[in-house]
Amino acid sequence: MVAFCVDASGKLTGDPTIGQSSGSPRLDEAGLKCAKSGSGRYKAPTEDGKPVAGCGRFAVRFQIK
């Protein structure tokens, strides 16, 4: 699970962190890289229809082939 915070424009306000480890440092690092590459592409949360700063988290699912 990757945790992140954004400002009202949807840009990251700091480095994302691992909220719950996958158990593999390499996979955790890949999840962080994924979150950082999304900088500027997040949709900020809204309050009364207006964008506000906020934090969220998302899971990264890896499929090994």
C-alpha atoms as a PDB file:
ATOM      1  CA  MET A   1       0.000   0.000   0.000  1.00  0.00           C
ATOM      2  CA  VAL A   2       1.436   3.362  -1.029  1.00  0.00           C
ATOM      3  CA  ALA A   3       0.450   6.519   0.887  1.00  0.00           C
ATOM      4  CA  PHE A   4       0.669  10.007  -0.633  1.00  0.00           C
ATOM      5  CA  CYS A   5      -0.508  13.584  -0.122  1.00  0.00           C
ATOM      6  CA  VAL A   6      -1.423  16.171  -2.762  1.00  0.00           C
ATOM      7  CA  ASP A   7      -2.106  19.885  -2.778  1.00  0.00           C
ATOM      8  CA  ALA A   8      -5.286  21.428  -4.175  1.00  0.00           C
ATOM      9  CA  SER A   9      -3.865  21.280  -7.711  1.00  0.00           C
ATOM     10  CA  GLY A  10      -3.243  17.511  -7.448  1.00  0.00           C
ATOM     11  CA  LYS A  11       0.549  17.677  -7.173  1.00  0.00           C
ATOM     12  CA  LEU A  12       2.445  15.605  -4.628  1.00  0.00           C
ATOM     13  CA  THR A  13       3.393  17.578  -1.536  1.00  0.00           C
ATOM     14  CA  GLY A  14       6.141  15.160  -0.497  1.00  0.00           C
ATOM     15  CA  ASP A  15       7.590  11.782  -1.251  1.00  0.00           C
ATOM     16  CA  PRO A  16       5.086   8.925  -1.154  1.00  0.00           C
ATOM     17  CA  THR A  17       5.649   6.334   1.566  1.00  0.00           C
ATOM     18  CA  ILE A  18       4.934   2.658   2.049  1.00  0.00           C
ATOM     19  CA  GLY A  19       1.814   2.328   4.206  1.00  0.00           C
ATOM     20  CA  GLN A  20       1.915  -1.472   4.202  1.00  0.00           C
ATOM     21  CA  SER A  21       4.874  -3.426   2.888  1.00  0.00           C
ATOM     22  CA  SER A  22       4.513  -6.092   0.232  1.00  0.00           C
ATOM     23  CA  GLY A  23       7.208  -8.028   2.082  1.00  0.00           C
ATOM     24  CA  SER A  24       9.695  -7.396  -0.717  1.00  0.00           C
ATOM     25  CA  PRO A  25      11.910  -4.288  -0.639  1.00  0.00           C
ATOM     26  CA  ARG A  26      12.212  -4.375  -4.442  1.00  0.00           C
ATOM     27  CA  LEU A  27       8.444  -4.429  -4.936  1.00  0.00           C
ATOM     28  CA  ASP A  28       7.966  -1.675  -2.341  1.00  0.00           C
ATOM     29  CA  GLU A  29      10.497   0.470  -4.205  1.00  0.00           C
ATOM     30  CA  ALA A  30       8.695  -0.179  -7.503  1.00  0.00           C
ATOM     31  CA  GLY A  31       5.429   0.936  -5.884  1.00  0.00           C
ATOM     32  CA  LEU A  32       7.038   4.173  -4.722  1.00  0.00           C
ATOM     33  CA  LYS A  33       8.451   4.757  -8.184  1.00  0.00           C
ATOM     34  CA  CYS A  34       4.976   4.272  -9.633  1.00  0.00           C
ATOM     35  CA  ALA A  35       3.519   6.835  -7.221  1.00  0.00           C
ATOM     36  CA  LYS A  36       6.233   9.392  -7.967  1.00  0.00           C
ATOM     37  CA  SER A  37       5.761   9.051 -11.716  1.00  0.00           C
ATOM     38  CA  GLY A  38       2.137  10.066 -11.183  1.00  0.00           C
ATOM     39  CA  SER A  39       3.117  13.492  -9.833  1.00  0.00           C
ATOM     40  CA  GLY A  40       0.766  16.095 -11.258  1.00  0.00           C
ATOM     41  CA  ARG A  41      -1.662  13.454 -12.456  1.00  0.00           C
ATOM     42  CA  TYR A  42      -3.607  12.998  -9.257  1.00  0.00           C
ATOM     43  CA  LYS A  43      -7.077  14.414  -8.800  1.00  0.00           C
ATOM     44  CA  ALA A  44      -7.292  16.465  -5.626  1.00  0.00           C
ATOM     45  CA  PRO A  45     -10.125  15.717  -3.222  1.00  0.00           C
ATOM     46  CA  THR A  46     -12.953  18.233  -3.096  1.00  0.00           C
ATOM     47  CA  GLU A  47     -14.896  19.973  -0.366  1.00  0.00           C
ATOM     48  CA  ASP A  48     -18.080  21.789  -1.323  1.00  0.00           C
ATOM     49  CA  GLY A  49     -17.100  21.251  -4.968  1.00  0.00           C
ATOM     50  CA  LYS A  50     -13.713  22.967  -4.615  1.00  0.00           C
ATOM     51  CA  PRO A  51     -10.346  21.174  -4.782  1.00  0.00           C
ATOM     52  CA  VAL A  52      -8.495  20.885  -1.465  1.00  0.00           C
ATOM     53  CA  ALA A  53      -5.270  19.306  -0.260  1.00  0.00           C
ATOM     54  CA  GLY A  54      -5.540  15.779   1.029  1.00  0.00           C
ATOM     55  CA  CYS A  55      -3.929  12.396   1.450  1.00  0.00           C
ATOM     56  CA  GLY A  56      -4.758   8.979   0.103  1.00  0.00           C
ATOM     57  CA  ARG A  57      -3.363   5.555  -0.542  1.00  0.00           C
ATOM     58  CA  PHE A  58      -3.511   2.907  -3.186  1.00  0.00           C
ATOM     59  CA  ALA A  59      -2.473  -0.688  -3.614  1.00  0.00           C
ATOM     60  CA  VAL A  60      -0.119  -1.808  -6.347  1.00  0.00           C
ATOM     61  CA  ARG A  61      -0.719  -5.277  -7.705  1.00  0.00           C
ATOM     62  CA  PHE A  62       2.282  -6.972  -9.259  1.00  0.00           C
ATOM     63  CA  GLN A  63       1.934  -9.887 -11.604  1.00  0.00           C
ATOM     64  CA  ILE A  64       5.031 -11.978 -12.213  1.00  0.00           C
ATOM     65  CA  LYS A  65       5.030 -13.773 -15.536  1.00  0.00           C
END
